[in-house]
């Protein structure tokens, strides 16, 4: 069953308005709103366009999986985007928590290396 709440979640995560998402997939804002609120479901063609625009698998939008993309499908760019997003977040939190001065390039480089080492172990 189509999960409009996931469209809304991913749209907001990508900082898109309903109008912006609609424009990207050649729909109206009302159509996006109807999908997100469960009043209608997209055609297969529109489902694929939404998934591509929101960087998720169609299975995620259909509620067949709880992960936004299939790890086995070779979605390296999506994983890399997530890794960069997570790296930026972790870096920001470490800087805030430990008052690290990032104007010193050595501190920034050390933090980035530490975060990358953690990813390699995952």
PDB file of N, CA and C in Angstrom:
ATOM      1  N   UNK A   1       0.839  -1.173   0.000  1.00  0.00           N
ATOM      2  CA  UNK A   1       0.000   0.000   0.000  1.00  0.00           C
ATOM      3  C   UNK A   1       0.891   1.246   0.000  1.00  0.00           C
ATOM      4  N   UNK A   2       0.538   2.208  -0.831  1.00  0.00           N
ATOM      5  CA  UNK A   2       1.316   3.432  -0.954  1.00  0.00           C
ATOM      6  C   UNK A   2       1.342   4.203   0.368  1.00  0.00           C
ATOM      7  N   UNK A   3       2.531   4.694   0.743  1.00  0.00           N
ATOM      8  CA  UNK A   3       2.721   5.417   2.006  1.00  0.00           C
ATOM      9  C   UNK A   3       2.986   6.902   1.726  1.00  0.00           C
ATOM     10  N   UNK A   4       1.940   7.673   1.700  1.00  0.00           N
ATOM     11  CA  UNK A   4       2.064   9.109   1.476  1.00  0.00           C
ATOM     12  C   UNK A   4       2.838   9.817   2.568  1.00  0.00           C
ATOM     13  N   UNK A   5       2.772   9.281   3.790  1.00  0.00           N
ATOM     14  CA  UNK A   5       3.523   9.893   4.889  1.00  0.00           C
ATOM     15  C   UNK A   5       5.024   9.849   4.618  1.00  0.00           C
ATOM     16  N   UNK A   6       5.442   8.829   3.892  1.00  0.00           N
ATOM     17  CA  UNK A   6       6.868   8.729   3.570  1.00  0.00           C
ATOM     18  C   UNK A   6       7.264   9.742   2.492  1.00  0.00           C
ATOM     19  N   UNK A   7       6.350  10.038   1.597  1.00  0.00           N
ATOM     20  CA  UNK A   7       6.607  11.091   0.611  1.00  0.00           C
ATOM     21  C   UNK A   7       6.804  12.410   1.360  1.00  0.00           C
ATOM     22  N   UNK A   8       5.896  12.698   2.280  1.00  0.00           N
ATOM     23  CA  UNK A   8       5.988  13.945   3.052  1.00  0.00           C
ATOM     24  C   UNK A   8       7.290  13.994   3.846  1.00  0.00           C
ATOM     25  N   UNK A   9       7.637  12.889   4.498  1.00  0.00           N
ATOM     26  CA  UNK A   9       8.856  12.844   5.303  1.00  0.00           C
ATOM     27  C   UNK A   9      10.095  13.109   4.450  1.00  0.00           C
ATOM     28  N   UNK A  10      10.207  12.396   3.336  1.00  0.00           N
ATOM     29  CA  UNK A  10      11.388  12.552   2.480  1.00  0.00           C
ATOM     30  C   UNK A  10      11.420  13.932   1.820  1.00  0.00           C
ATOM     31  N   UNK A  11      10.244  14.441   1.449  1.00  0.00           N
ATOM     32  CA  UNK A  11      10.172  15.777   0.853  1.00  0.00           C
ATOM     33  C   UNK A  11      10.721  16.807   1.844  1.00  0.00           C
ATOM     34  N   UNK A  12      10.277  16.721   3.083  1.00  0.00           N
ATOM     35  CA  UNK A  12      10.732  17.666   4.101  1.00  0.00           C
ATOM     36  C   UNK A  12      12.213  17.486   4.399  1.00  0.00           C
ATOM     37  N   UNK A  13      12.666  16.236   4.406  1.00  0.00           N
ATOM     38  CA  UNK A  13      14.082  15.947   4.653  1.00  0.00           C
ATOM     39  C   UNK A  13      14.960  16.571   3.565  1.00  0.00           C
ATOM     40  N   UNK A  14      14.443  16.611   2.343  1.00  0.00           N
ATOM     41  CA  UNK A  14      15.183  17.220   1.235  1.00  0.00           C
ATOM     42  C   UNK A  14      14.921  18.723   1.128  1.00  0.00           C
ATOM     43  N   UNK A  15      14.156  19.239   2.119  1.00  0.00           N
ATOM     44  CA  UNK A  15      13.848  20.671   2.188  1.00  0.00           C
ATOM     45  C   UNK A  15      13.133  21.175   0.930  1.00  0.00           C
ATOM     46  N   UNK A  16      12.165  20.381   0.474  1.00  0.00           N
ATOM     47  CA  UNK A  16      11.346  20.755  -0.678  1.00  0.00           C
ATOM     48  C   UNK A  16       9.942  21.107  -0.216  1.00  0.00           C
ATOM     49  N   UNK A  17       9.340  22.092  -0.841  1.00  0.00           N
ATOM     50  CA  UNK A  17       7.929  22.360  -0.604  1.00  0.00           C
ATOM     51  C   UNK A  17       7.123  21.411  -1.487  1.00  0.00           C
ATOM     52  N   UNK A  18       5.824  21.335  -1.225  1.00  0.00           N
ATOM     53  CA  UNK A  18       4.970  20.519  -2.088  1.00  0.00           C
ATOM     54  C   UNK A  18       5.022  21.050  -3.515  1.00  0.00           C
ATOM     55  N   UNK A  19       5.051  22.351  -3.666  1.00  0.00           N
ATOM     56  CA  UNK A  19       5.127  22.964  -5.002  1.00  0.00           C
ATOM     57  C   UNK A  19       6.417  22.587  -5.718  1.00  0.00           C
ATOM     58  N   UNK A  20       7.534  22.613  -5.002  1.00  0.00           N
ATOM     59  CA  UNK A  20       8.822  22.270  -5.622  1.00  0.00           C
ATOM     60  C   UNK A  20       8.854  20.807  -6.047  1.00  0.00           C
ATOM     61  N   UNK A  21       8.355  19.914  -5.179  1.00  0.00           N
ATOM     62  CA  UNK A  21       8.313  18.503  -5.541  1.00  0.00           C
ATOM     63  C   UNK A  21       7.398  18.299  -6.738  1.00  0.00           C
ATOM     64  N   UNK A  22       6.253  18.946  -6.709  1.00  0.00           N
ATOM     65  CA  UNK A  22       5.303  18.822  -7.822  1.00  0.00           C
ATOM     66  C   UNK A  22       5.953  19.245  -9.141  1.00  0.00           C
ATOM     67  N   UNK A  23       6.684  20.331  -9.102  1.00  0.00           N
ATOM     68  CA  UNK A  23       7.354  20.825 -10.300  1.00  0.00           C
ATOM     69  C   UNK A  23       8.371  19.824 -10.829  1.00  0.00           C
ATOM     70  N   UNK A  24       9.105  19.195  -9.922  1.00  0.00           N
ATOM     71  CA  UNK A  24      10.141  18.236 -10.315  1.00  0.00           C
ATOM     72  C   UNK A  24       9.572  16.973 -10.963  1.00  0.00           C
ATOM     73  N   UNK A  25       8.339  16.609 -10.594  1.00  0.00           N
ATOM     74  CA  UNK A  25       7.739  15.381 -11.144  1.00  0.00           C
ATOM     75  C   UNK A  25       6.554  15.686 -12.059  1.00  0.00           C
ATOM     76  N   UNK A  26       6.448  16.940 -12.483  1.00  0.00           N
ATOM     77  CA  UNK A  26       5.409  17.375 -13.423  1.00  0.00           C
ATOM     78  C   UNK A  26       3.995  17.097 -12.919  1.00  0.00           C
ATOM     79  N   UNK A  27       3.736  17.488 -11.693  1.00  0.00           N
ATOM     80  CA  UNK A  27       2.412  17.349 -11.092  1.00  0.00           C
ATOM     81  C   UNK A  27       1.987  18.698 -10.525  1.00  0.00           C
ATOM     82  N   UNK A  28       0.811  18.698  -9.911  1.00  0.00           N
ATOM     83  CA  UNK A  28       0.344  19.901  -9.217  1.00  0.00           C
ATOM     84  C   UNK A  28       0.611  19.753  -7.728  1.00  0.00           C
ATOM     85  N   UNK A  29       0.624  20.880  -7.041  1.00  0.00           N
ATOM     86  CA  UNK A  29       0.772  20.869  -5.590  1.00  0.00           C
ATOM     87  C   UNK A  29      -0.368  20.071  -4.969  1.00  0.00           C
ATOM     88  N   UNK A  30      -1.570  20.200  -5.524  1.00  0.00           N
ATOM     89  CA  UNK A  30      -2.735  19.480  -5.001  1.00  0.00           C
ATOM     90  C   UNK A  30      -2.539  17.966  -5.100  1.00  0.00           C
ATOM     91  N   UNK A  31      -1.925  17.511  -6.178  1.00  0.00           N
ATOM     92  CA  UNK A  31      -1.681  16.073  -6.336  1.00  0.00           C
ATOM     93  C   UNK A  31      -0.722  15.576  -5.251  1.00  0.00           C
ATOM     94  N   UNK A  32       0.346  16.329  -5.006  1.00  0.00           N
ATOM     95  CA  UNK A  32       1.300  15.947  -3.960  1.00  0.00           C
ATOM     96  C   UNK A  32       0.597  15.920  -2.613  1.00  0.00           C
ATOM     97  N   UNK A  33      -0.197  16.945  -2.332  1.00  0.00           N
ATOM     98  CA  UNK A  33      -0.937  17.006  -1.075  1.00  0.00           C
ATOM     99  C   UNK A  33      -1.862  15.793  -0.934  1.00  0.00           C
ATOM    100  N   UNK A  34      -2.553  15.441  -1.995  1.00  0.00           N
ATOM    101  CA  UNK A  34      -3.453  14.282  -1.956  1.00  0.00           C
ATOM    102  C   UNK A  34      -2.688  12.987  -1.701  1.00  0.00           C
ATOM    103  N   UNK A  35      -1.512  12.842  -2.301  1.00  0.00           N
ATOM    104  CA  UNK A  35      -0.693  11.644  -2.050  1.00  0.00           C
ATOM    105  C   UNK A  35      -0.264  11.601  -0.585  1.00  0.00           C
ATOM    106  N   UNK A  36       0.247  12.726  -0.099  1.00  0.00           N
ATOM    107  CA  UNK A  36       0.765  12.779   1.275  1.00  0.00           C
ATOM    108  C   UNK A  36      -0.330  12.541   2.315  1.00  0.00           C
ATOM    109  N   UNK A  37      -1.534  12.979   2.017  1.00  0.00           N
ATOM    110  CA  UNK A  37      -2.646  12.825   2.961  1.00  0.00           C
ATOM    111  C   UNK A  37      -3.432  11.534   2.771  1.00  0.00           C
ATOM    112  N   UNK A  38      -3.018  10.710   1.807  1.00  0.00           N
ATOM    113  CA  UNK A  38      -3.683   9.428   1.590  1.00  0.00           C
ATOM    114  C   UNK A  38      -5.001   9.514   0.857  1.00  0.00           C
ATOM    115  N   UNK A  39      -5.271  10.634   0.201  1.00  0.00           N
ATOM    116  CA  UNK A  39      -6.524  10.785  -0.537  1.00  0.00           C
ATOM    117  C   UNK A  39      -6.460  10.153  -1.918  1.00  0.00           C
ATOM    118  N   UNK A  40      -5.249   9.948  -2.434  1.00  0.00           N
ATOM    119  CA  UNK A  40      -5.088   9.287  -3.729  1.00  0.00           C
ATOM    120  C   UNK A  40      -3.720   8.621  -3.773  1.00  0.00           C
ATOM    121  N   UNK A  41      -3.541   7.780  -4.769  1.00  0.00           N
ATOM    122  CA  UNK A  41      -2.255   7.098  -4.947  1.00  0.00           C
ATOM    123  C   UNK A  41      -1.739   7.393  -6.354  1.00  0.00           C
ATOM    124  N   UNK A  42      -0.437   7.457  -6.501  1.00  0.00           N
ATOM    125  CA  UNK A  42       0.133   7.783  -7.812  1.00  0.00           C
ATOM    126  C   UNK A  42       0.101   6.590  -8.767  1.00  0.00           C
ATOM    127  N   UNK A  43       0.151   6.904 -10.043  1.00  0.00           N
ATOM    128  CA  UNK A  43       0.311   5.855 -11.056  1.00  0.00           C
ATOM    129  C   UNK A  43       1.706   5.266 -10.903  1.00  0.00           C
ATOM    130  N   UNK A  44       1.940   4.154 -11.561  1.00  0.00           N
ATOM    131  CA  UNK A  44       3.271   3.532 -11.491  1.00  0.00           C
ATOM    132  C   UNK A  44       4.349   4.484 -12.001  1.00  0.00           C
ATOM    133  N   UNK A  45       4.043   5.176 -13.080  1.00  0.00           N
ATOM    134  CA  UNK A  45       5.009   6.121 -13.656  1.00  0.00           C
ATOM    135  C   UNK A  45       5.329   7.247 -12.670  1.00  0.00           C
ATOM    136  N   UNK A  46       4.303   7.766 -12.019  1.00  0.00           N
ATOM    137  CA  UNK A  46       4.501   8.838 -11.043  1.00  0.00           C
ATOM    138  C   UNK A  46       5.223   8.322  -9.803  1.00  0.00           C
ATOM    139  N   UNK A  47       4.915   7.098  -9.397  1.00  0.00           N
ATOM    140  CA  UNK A  47       5.595   6.491  -8.254  1.00  0.00           C
ATOM    141  C   UNK A  47       7.099   6.440  -8.499  1.00  0.00           C
ATOM    142  N   UNK A  48       7.481   6.031  -9.688  1.00  0.00           N
ATOM    143  CA  UNK A  48       8.901   5.958 -10.037  1.00  0.00           C
ATOM    144  C   UNK A  48       9.522   7.359 -10.030  1.00  0.00           C
ATOM    145  N   UNK A  49       8.812   8.338 -10.574  1.00  0.00           N
ATOM    146  CA  UNK A  49       9.326   9.715 -10.592  1.00  0.00           C
ATOM    147  C   UNK A  49       9.492  10.253  -9.173  1.00  0.00           C
ATOM    148  N   UNK A  50       8.531   9.972  -8.310  1.00  0.00           N
ATOM    149  CA  UNK A  50       8.638  10.404  -6.915  1.00  0.00           C
ATOM    150  C   UNK A  50       9.830   9.737  -6.233  1.00  0.00           C
ATOM    151  N   UNK A  51       9.977   8.434  -6.439  1.00  0.00           N
ATOM    152  CA  UNK A  51      11.085   7.701  -5.823  1.00  0.00           C
ATOM    153  C   UNK A  51      12.426   8.253  -6.292  1.00  0.00           C
ATOM    154  N   UNK A  52      12.543   8.507  -7.592  1.00  0.00           N
ATOM    155  CA  UNK A  52      13.797   9.045  -8.117  1.00  0.00           C
ATOM    156  C   UNK A  52      14.091  10.430  -7.540  1.00  0.00           C
ATOM    157  N   UNK A  53      13.083  11.271  -7.472  1.00  0.00           N
ATOM    158  CA  UNK A  53      13.263  12.637  -6.985  1.00  0.00           C
ATOM    159  C   UNK A  53      13.578  12.666  -5.489  1.00  0.00           C
ATOM    160  N   UNK A  54      12.975  11.752  -4.751  1.00  0.00           N
ATOM    161  CA  UNK A  54      13.167  11.723  -3.293  1.00  0.00           C
ATOM    162  C   UNK A  54      14.323  10.811  -2.874  1.00  0.00           C
ATOM    163  N   UNK A  55      15.018  10.219  -3.860  1.00  0.00           N
ATOM    164  CA  UNK A  55      16.159   9.333  -3.601  1.00  0.00           C
ATOM    165  C   UNK A  55      15.789   8.156  -2.707  1.00  0.00           C
ATOM    166  N   UNK A  56      14.721   7.479  -3.083  1.00  0.00           N
ATOM    167  CA  UNK A  56      14.290   6.284  -2.366  1.00  0.00           C
ATOM    168  C   UNK A  56      13.899   5.211  -3.375  1.00  0.00           C
ATOM    169  N   UNK A  57      13.788   3.980  -2.905  1.00  0.00           N
ATOM    170  CA  UNK A  57      13.253   2.901  -3.725  1.00  0.00           C
ATOM    171  C   UNK A  57      11.741   2.984  -3.730  1.00  0.00           C
ATOM    172  N   UNK A  58      11.142   2.492  -4.776  1.00  0.00           N
ATOM    173  CA  UNK A  58       9.678   2.439  -4.818  1.00  0.00           C
ATOM    174  C   UNK A  58       9.143   1.551  -3.703  1.00  0.00           C
ATOM    175  N   UNK A  59       9.873   0.506  -3.335  1.00  0.00           N
ATOM    176  CA  UNK A  59       9.430  -0.379  -2.251  1.00  0.00           C
ATOM    177  C   UNK A  59       9.259   0.391  -0.942  1.00  0.00           C
ATOM    178  N   UNK A  60      10.085   1.380  -0.708  1.00  0.00           N
ATOM    179  CA  UNK A  60       9.968   2.204   0.495  1.00  0.00           C
ATOM    180  C   UNK A  60       8.667   2.997   0.463  1.00  0.00           C
ATOM    181  N   UNK A  61       8.348   3.578  -0.691  1.00  0.00           N
ATOM    182  CA  UNK A  61       7.111   4.354  -0.806  1.00  0.00           C
ATOM    183  C   UNK A  61       5.875   3.456  -0.776  1.00  0.00           C
ATOM    184  N   UNK A  62       6.052   2.189  -1.108  1.00  0.00           N
ATOM    185  CA  UNK A  62       4.934   1.246  -1.072  1.00  0.00           C
ATOM    186  C   UNK A  62       4.813   0.546   0.276  1.00  0.00           C
ATOM    187  N   UNK A  63       5.712   0.855   1.198  1.00  0.00           N
ATOM    188  CA  UNK A  63       5.650   0.253   2.525  1.00  0.00           C
ATOM    189  C   UNK A  63       6.152  -1.174   2.586  1.00  0.00           C
ATOM    190  N   UNK A  64       6.850  -1.619   1.534  1.00  0.00           N
ATOM    191  CA  UNK A  64       7.361  -2.983   1.499  1.00  0.00           C
ATOM    192  C   UNK A  64       8.677  -3.122   2.252  1.00  0.00           C
ATOM    193  N   UNK A  65       9.315  -1.994   2.535  1.00  0.00           N
ATOM    194  CA  UNK A  65      10.557  -1.981   3.293  1.00  0.00           C
ATOM    195  C   UNK A  65      10.589  -0.705   4.131  1.00  0.00           C
ATOM    196  N   UNK A  66      11.318  -0.759   5.216  1.00  0.00           N
ATOM    197  CA  UNK A  66      11.445   0.421   6.067  1.00  0.00           C
ATOM    198  C   UNK A  66      12.721   1.194   5.807  1.00  0.00           C
ATOM    199  N   UNK A  67      13.544   0.710   4.903  1.00  0.00           N
ATOM    200  CA  UNK A  67      14.755   1.427   4.546  1.00  0.00           C
ATOM    201  C   UNK A  67      14.500   2.194   3.248  1.00  0.00           C
ATOM    202  N   UNK A  68      14.965   3.429   3.177  1.00  0.00           N
ATOM    203  CA  UNK A  68      14.685   4.251   1.998  1.00  0.00           C
ATOM    204  C   UNK A  68      15.211   3.691   0.681  1.00  0.00           C
ATOM    205  N   UNK A  69      16.254   2.877   0.731  1.00  0.00           N
ATOM    206  CA  UNK A  69      16.754   2.266  -0.497  1.00  0.00           C
ATOM    207  C   UNK A  69      17.295   0.889  -0.185  1.00  0.00           C
ATOM    208  N   UNK A  70      17.337   0.099  -1.226  1.00  0.00           N
ATOM    209  CA  UNK A  70      17.798  -1.278  -1.109  1.00  0.00           C
ATOM    210  C   UNK A  70      19.318  -1.298  -1.076  1.00  0.00           C
ATOM    211  N   UNK A  71      19.883  -1.759   0.008  1.00  0.00           N
ATOM    212  CA  UNK A  71      21.345  -1.812   0.154  1.00  0.00           C
ATOM    213  C   UNK A  71      21.987  -2.703  -0.913  1.00  0.00           C
ATOM    214  N   UNK A  72      21.241  -3.683  -1.403  1.00  0.00           N
ATOM    215  CA  UNK A  72      21.776  -4.623  -2.386  1.00  0.00           C
ATOM    216  C   UNK A  72      21.727  -4.068  -3.811  1.00  0.00           C
ATOM    217  N   UNK A  73      20.986  -2.995  -4.037  1.00  0.00           N
ATOM    218  CA  UNK A  73      20.775  -2.519  -5.403  1.00  0.00           C
ATOM    219  C   UNK A  73      21.920  -1.667  -5.933  1.00  0.00           C
ATOM    220  N   UNK A  74      22.969  -1.512  -5.157  1.00  0.00           N
ATOM    221  CA  UNK A  74      24.110  -0.735  -5.631  1.00  0.00           C
ATOM    222  C   UNK A  74      23.855   0.759  -5.608  1.00  0.00           C
ATOM    223  N   UNK A  75      23.047   1.222  -4.712  1.00  0.00           N
ATOM    224  CA  UNK A  75      22.723   2.645  -4.626  1.00  0.00           C
ATOM    225  C   UNK A  75      23.829   3.387  -3.888  1.00  0.00           C
ATOM    226  N   UNK A  76      25.018   3.306  -4.439  1.00  0.00           N
ATOM    227  CA  UNK A  76      26.164   3.917  -3.763  1.00  0.00           C
ATOM    228  C   UNK A  76      26.022   5.415  -3.612  1.00  0.00           C
ATOM    229  N   UNK A  77      25.465   6.092  -4.620  1.00  0.00           N
ATOM    230  CA  UNK A  77      25.352   7.544  -4.509  1.00  0.00           C
ATOM    231  C   UNK A  77      24.420   7.912  -3.361  1.00  0.00           C
ATOM    232  N   UNK A  78      23.366   7.135  -3.162  1.00  0.00           N
ATOM    233  CA  UNK A  78      22.447   7.408  -2.063  1.00  0.00           C
ATOM    234  C   UNK A  78      23.142   7.142  -0.734  1.00  0.00           C
ATOM    235  N   UNK A  79      23.906   6.065  -0.658  1.00  0.00           N
ATOM    236  CA  UNK A  79      24.635   5.764   0.568  1.00  0.00           C
ATOM    237  C   UNK A  79      25.678   6.835   0.828  1.00  0.00           C
ATOM    238  N   UNK A  80      26.359   7.291  -0.232  1.00  0.00           N
ATOM    239  CA  UNK A  80      27.363   8.337  -0.064  1.00  0.00           C
ATOM    240  C   UNK A  80      26.733   9.636   0.399  1.00  0.00           C
ATOM    241  N   UNK A  81      25.546   9.971  -0.150  1.00  0.00           N
ATOM    242  CA  UNK A  81      24.848  11.172   0.290  1.00  0.00           C
ATOM    243  C   UNK A  81      24.536  11.073   1.770  1.00  0.00           C
ATOM    244  N   UNK A  82      24.038   9.916   2.196  1.00  0.00           N
ATOM    245  CA  UNK A  82      23.709   9.726   3.595  1.00  0.00           C
ATOM    246  C   UNK A  82      24.983   9.816   4.432  1.00  0.00           C
ATOM    247  N   UNK A  83      26.048   9.197   3.961  1.00  0.00           N
ATOM    248  CA  UNK A  83      27.298   9.228   4.709  1.00  0.00           C
ATOM    249  C   UNK A  83      27.796  10.649   4.870  1.00  0.00           C
ATOM    250  N   UNK A  84      27.725  11.453   3.817  1.00  0.00           N
ATOM    251  CA  UNK A  84      28.182  12.838   3.905  1.00  0.00           C
ATOM    252  C   UNK A  84      27.284  13.626   4.843  1.00  0.00           C
ATOM    253  N   UNK A  85      25.977  13.398   4.745  1.00  0.00           N
ATOM    254  CA  UNK A  85      25.032  14.084   5.628  1.00  0.00           C
ATOM    255  C   UNK A  85      25.302  13.712   7.084  1.00  0.00           C
ATOM    256  N   UNK A  86      25.531  12.434   7.325  1.00  0.00           N
ATOM    257  CA  UNK A  86      25.799  11.971   8.679  1.00  0.00           C
ATOM    258  C   UNK A  86      27.150  12.487   9.165  1.00  0.00           C
ATOM    259  N   UNK A  87      28.137  12.465   8.293  1.00  0.00           N
ATOM    260  CA  UNK A  87      29.457  12.977   8.648  1.00  0.00           C
ATOM    261  C   UNK A  87      29.367  14.442   9.057  1.00  0.00           C
ATOM    262  N   UNK A  88      28.657  15.233   8.284  1.00  0.00           N
ATOM    263  CA  UNK A  88      28.510  16.650   8.600  1.00  0.00           C
ATOM    264  C   UNK A  88      27.835  16.841   9.954  1.00  0.00           C
ATOM    265  N   UNK A  89      26.807  16.030  10.213  1.00  0.00           N
ATOM    266  CA  UNK A  89      26.087  16.128  11.484  1.00  0.00           C
ATOM    267  C   UNK A  89      26.996  15.758  12.659  1.00  0.00           C
ATOM    268  N   UNK A  90      27.695  14.629  12.537  1.00  0.00           N
ATOM    269  CA  UNK A  90      28.574  14.172  13.615  1.00  0.00           C
ATOM    270  C   UNK A  90      29.680  15.201  13.854  1.00  0.00           C
ATOM    271  N   UNK A  91      30.244  15.709  12.777  1.00  0.00           N
ATOM    272  CA  UNK A  91      31.292  16.717  12.897  1.00  0.00           C
ATOM    273  C   UNK A  91      30.782  17.939  13.661  1.00  0.00           C
ATOM    274  N   UNK A  92      29.608  18.407  13.290  1.00  0.00           N
ATOM    275  CA  UNK A  92      29.012  19.574  13.953  1.00  0.00           C
ATOM    276  C   UNK A  92      28.783  19.311  15.443  1.00  0.00           C
ATOM    277  N   UNK A  93      28.276  18.127  15.764  1.00  0.00           N
ATOM    278  CA  UNK A  93      28.005  17.799  17.160  1.00  0.00           C
ATOM    279  C   UNK A  93      29.297  17.676  17.979  1.00  0.00           C
ATOM    280  N   UNK A  94      30.322  17.089  17.398  1.00  0.00           N
ATOM    281  CA  UNK A  94      31.603  16.978  18.104  1.00  0.00           C
ATOM    282  C   UNK A  94      32.218  18.354  18.354  1.00  0.00           C
ATOM    283  N   UNK A  95      32.155  19.192  17.341  1.00  0.00           N
ATOM    284  CA  UNK A  95      32.696  20.545  17.480  1.00  0.00           C
ATOM    285  C   UNK A  95      31.982  21.283  18.599  1.00  0.00           C
ATOM    286  N   UNK A  96      30.655  21.149  18.620  1.00  0.00           N
ATOM    287  CA  UNK A  96      29.857  21.831  19.641  1.00  0.00           C
ATOM    288  C   UNK A  96      30.149  21.266  21.034  1.00  0.00           C
ATOM    289  N   UNK A  97      30.164  19.947  21.142  1.00  0.00           N
ATOM    290  CA  UNK A  97      30.330  19.317  22.453  1.00  0.00           C
ATOM    291  C   UNK A  97      31.711  19.563  23.054  1.00  0.00           C
ATOM    292  N   UNK A  98      32.738  19.502  22.219  1.00  0.00           N
ATOM    293  CA  UNK A  98      34.100  19.598  22.744  1.00  0.00           C
ATOM    294  C   UNK A  98      34.779  20.937  22.444  1.00  0.00           C
ATOM    295  N   UNK A  99      34.011  21.904  21.954  1.00  0.00           N
ATOM    296  CA  UNK A  99      34.552  23.231  21.639  1.00  0.00           C
ATOM    297  C   UNK A  99      35.825  23.143  20.798  1.00  0.00           C
ATOM    298  N   UNK A 100      35.753  22.399  19.740  1.00  0.00           N
ATOM    299  CA  UNK A 100      36.921  22.213  18.867  1.00  0.00           C
ATOM    300  C   UNK A 100      37.007  23.379  17.891  1.00  0.00           C
ATOM    301  N   UNK A 101      38.184  23.909  17.744  1.00  0.00           N
ATOM    302  CA  UNK A 101      38.425  25.036  16.857  1.00  0.00           C
ATOM    303  C   UNK A 101      38.702  24.519  15.445  1.00  0.00           C
ATOM    304  N   UNK A 102      37.731  24.696  14.541  1.00  0.00           N
ATOM    305  CA  UNK A 102      37.910  24.213  13.175  1.00  0.00           C
ATOM    306  C   UNK A 102      38.671  25.184  12.292  1.00  0.00           C
ATOM    307  N   UNK A 103      39.073  26.326  12.836  1.00  0.00           N
ATOM    308  CA  UNK A 103      39.931  27.209  12.049  1.00  0.00           C
ATOM    309  C   UNK A 103      41.332  26.615  11.938  1.00  0.00           C
ATOM    310  N   UNK A 104      41.623  25.681  12.834  1.00  0.00           N
ATOM    311  CA  UNK A 104      42.885  24.949  12.755  1.00  0.00           C
ATOM    312  C   UNK A 104      42.652  23.745  11.836  1.00  0.00           C
ATOM    313  N   UNK A 105      43.233  23.757  10.636  1.00  0.00           N
ATOM    314  CA  UNK A 105      42.998  22.682   9.667  1.00  0.00           C
ATOM    315  C   UNK A 105      43.335  21.294  10.200  1.00  0.00           C
ATOM    316  N   UNK A 106      44.296  21.230  11.099  1.00  0.00           N
ATOM    317  CA  UNK A 106      44.690  19.936  11.653  1.00  0.00           C
ATOM    318  C   UNK A 106      43.553  19.321  12.477  1.00  0.00           C
ATOM    319  N   UNK A 107      42.850  20.144  13.255  1.00  0.00           N
ATOM    320  CA  UNK A 107      41.715  19.646  14.041  1.00  0.00           C
ATOM    321  C   UNK A 107      40.613  19.107  13.139  1.00  0.00           C
ATOM    322  N   UNK A 108      40.294  19.855  12.101  1.00  0.00           N
ATOM    323  CA  UNK A 108      39.237  19.438  11.176  1.00  0.00           C
ATOM    324  C   UNK A 108      39.624  18.132  10.478  1.00  0.00           C
ATOM    325  N   UNK A 109      40.838  18.064  10.011  1.00  0.00           N
ATOM    326  CA  UNK A 109      41.311  16.858   9.314  1.00  0.00           C
ATOM    327  C   UNK A 109      41.278  15.645  10.236  1.00  0.00           C
ATOM    328  N   UNK A 110      41.687  15.820  11.475  1.00  0.00           N
ATOM    329  CA  UNK A 110      41.672  14.724  12.450  1.00  0.00           C
ATOM    330  C   UNK A 110      40.249  14.227  12.694  1.00  0.00           C
ATOM    331  N   UNK A 111      39.317  15.160  12.863  1.00  0.00           N
ATOM    332  CA  UNK A 111      37.922  14.774  13.085  1.00  0.00           C
ATOM    333  C   UNK A 111      37.358  14.013  11.890  1.00  0.00           C
ATOM    334  N   UNK A 112      37.625  14.489  10.688  1.00  0.00           N
ATOM    335  CA  UNK A 112      37.119  13.819   9.494  1.00  0.00           C
ATOM    336  C   UNK A 112      37.695  12.414   9.359  1.00  0.00           C
ATOM    337  N   UNK A 113      38.971  12.242   9.672  1.00  0.00           N
ATOM    338  CA  UNK A 113      39.587  10.913   9.624  1.00  0.00           C
ATOM    339  C   UNK A 113      38.942   9.971  10.632  1.00  0.00           C
ATOM    340  N   UNK A 114      38.659  10.485  11.823  1.00  0.00           N
ATOM    341  CA  UNK A 114      38.023   9.658  12.855  1.00  0.00           C
ATOM    342  C   UNK A 114      36.637   9.201  12.399  1.00  0.00           C
ATOM    343  N   UNK A 115      35.875  10.102  11.831  1.00  0.00           N
ATOM    344  CA  UNK A 115      34.524   9.763  11.376  1.00  0.00           C
ATOM    345  C   UNK A 115      34.599   8.729  10.260  1.00  0.00           C
ATOM    346  N   UNK A 116      35.522   8.883   9.333  1.00  0.00           N
ATOM    347  CA  UNK A 116      35.665   7.920   8.229  1.00  0.00           C
ATOM    348  C   UNK A 116      36.065   6.544   8.743  1.00  0.00           C
ATOM    349  N   UNK A 117      36.900   6.496   9.765  1.00  0.00           N
ATOM    350  CA  UNK A 117      37.281   5.210  10.361  1.00  0.00           C
ATOM    351  C   UNK A 117      36.060   4.506  10.956  1.00  0.00           C
ATOM    352  N   UNK A 118      35.195   5.266  11.576  1.00  0.00           N
ATOM    353  CA  UNK A 118      33.975   4.685  12.134  1.00  0.00           C
ATOM    354  C   UNK A 118      33.125   4.082  11.020  1.00  0.00           C
ATOM    355  N   UNK A 119      32.970   4.803   9.885  1.00  0.00           N
ATOM    356  CA  UNK A 119      32.190   4.283   8.774  1.00  0.00           C
ATOM    357  C   UNK A 119      32.767   3.002   8.210  1.00  0.00           C
ATOM    358  N   UNK A 120      34.076   2.915   8.150  1.00  0.00           N
ATOM    359  CA  UNK A 120      34.716   1.720   7.608  1.00  0.00           C
ATOM    360  C   UNK A 120      34.415   0.494   8.467  1.00  0.00           C
ATOM    361  N   UNK A 121      34.220   0.701   9.755  1.00  0.00           N
ATOM    362  CA  UNK A 121      33.914  -0.412  10.667  1.00  0.00           C
ATOM    363  C   UNK A 121      32.462  -0.833  10.612  1.00  0.00           C
ATOM    364  N   UNK A 122      31.589  -0.003  10.037  1.00  0.00           N
ATOM    365  CA  UNK A 122      30.153  -0.332   9.998  1.00  0.00           C
ATOM    366  C   UNK A 122      29.822  -1.414   9.008  1.00  0.00           C
TER     367      UNK A 122
END
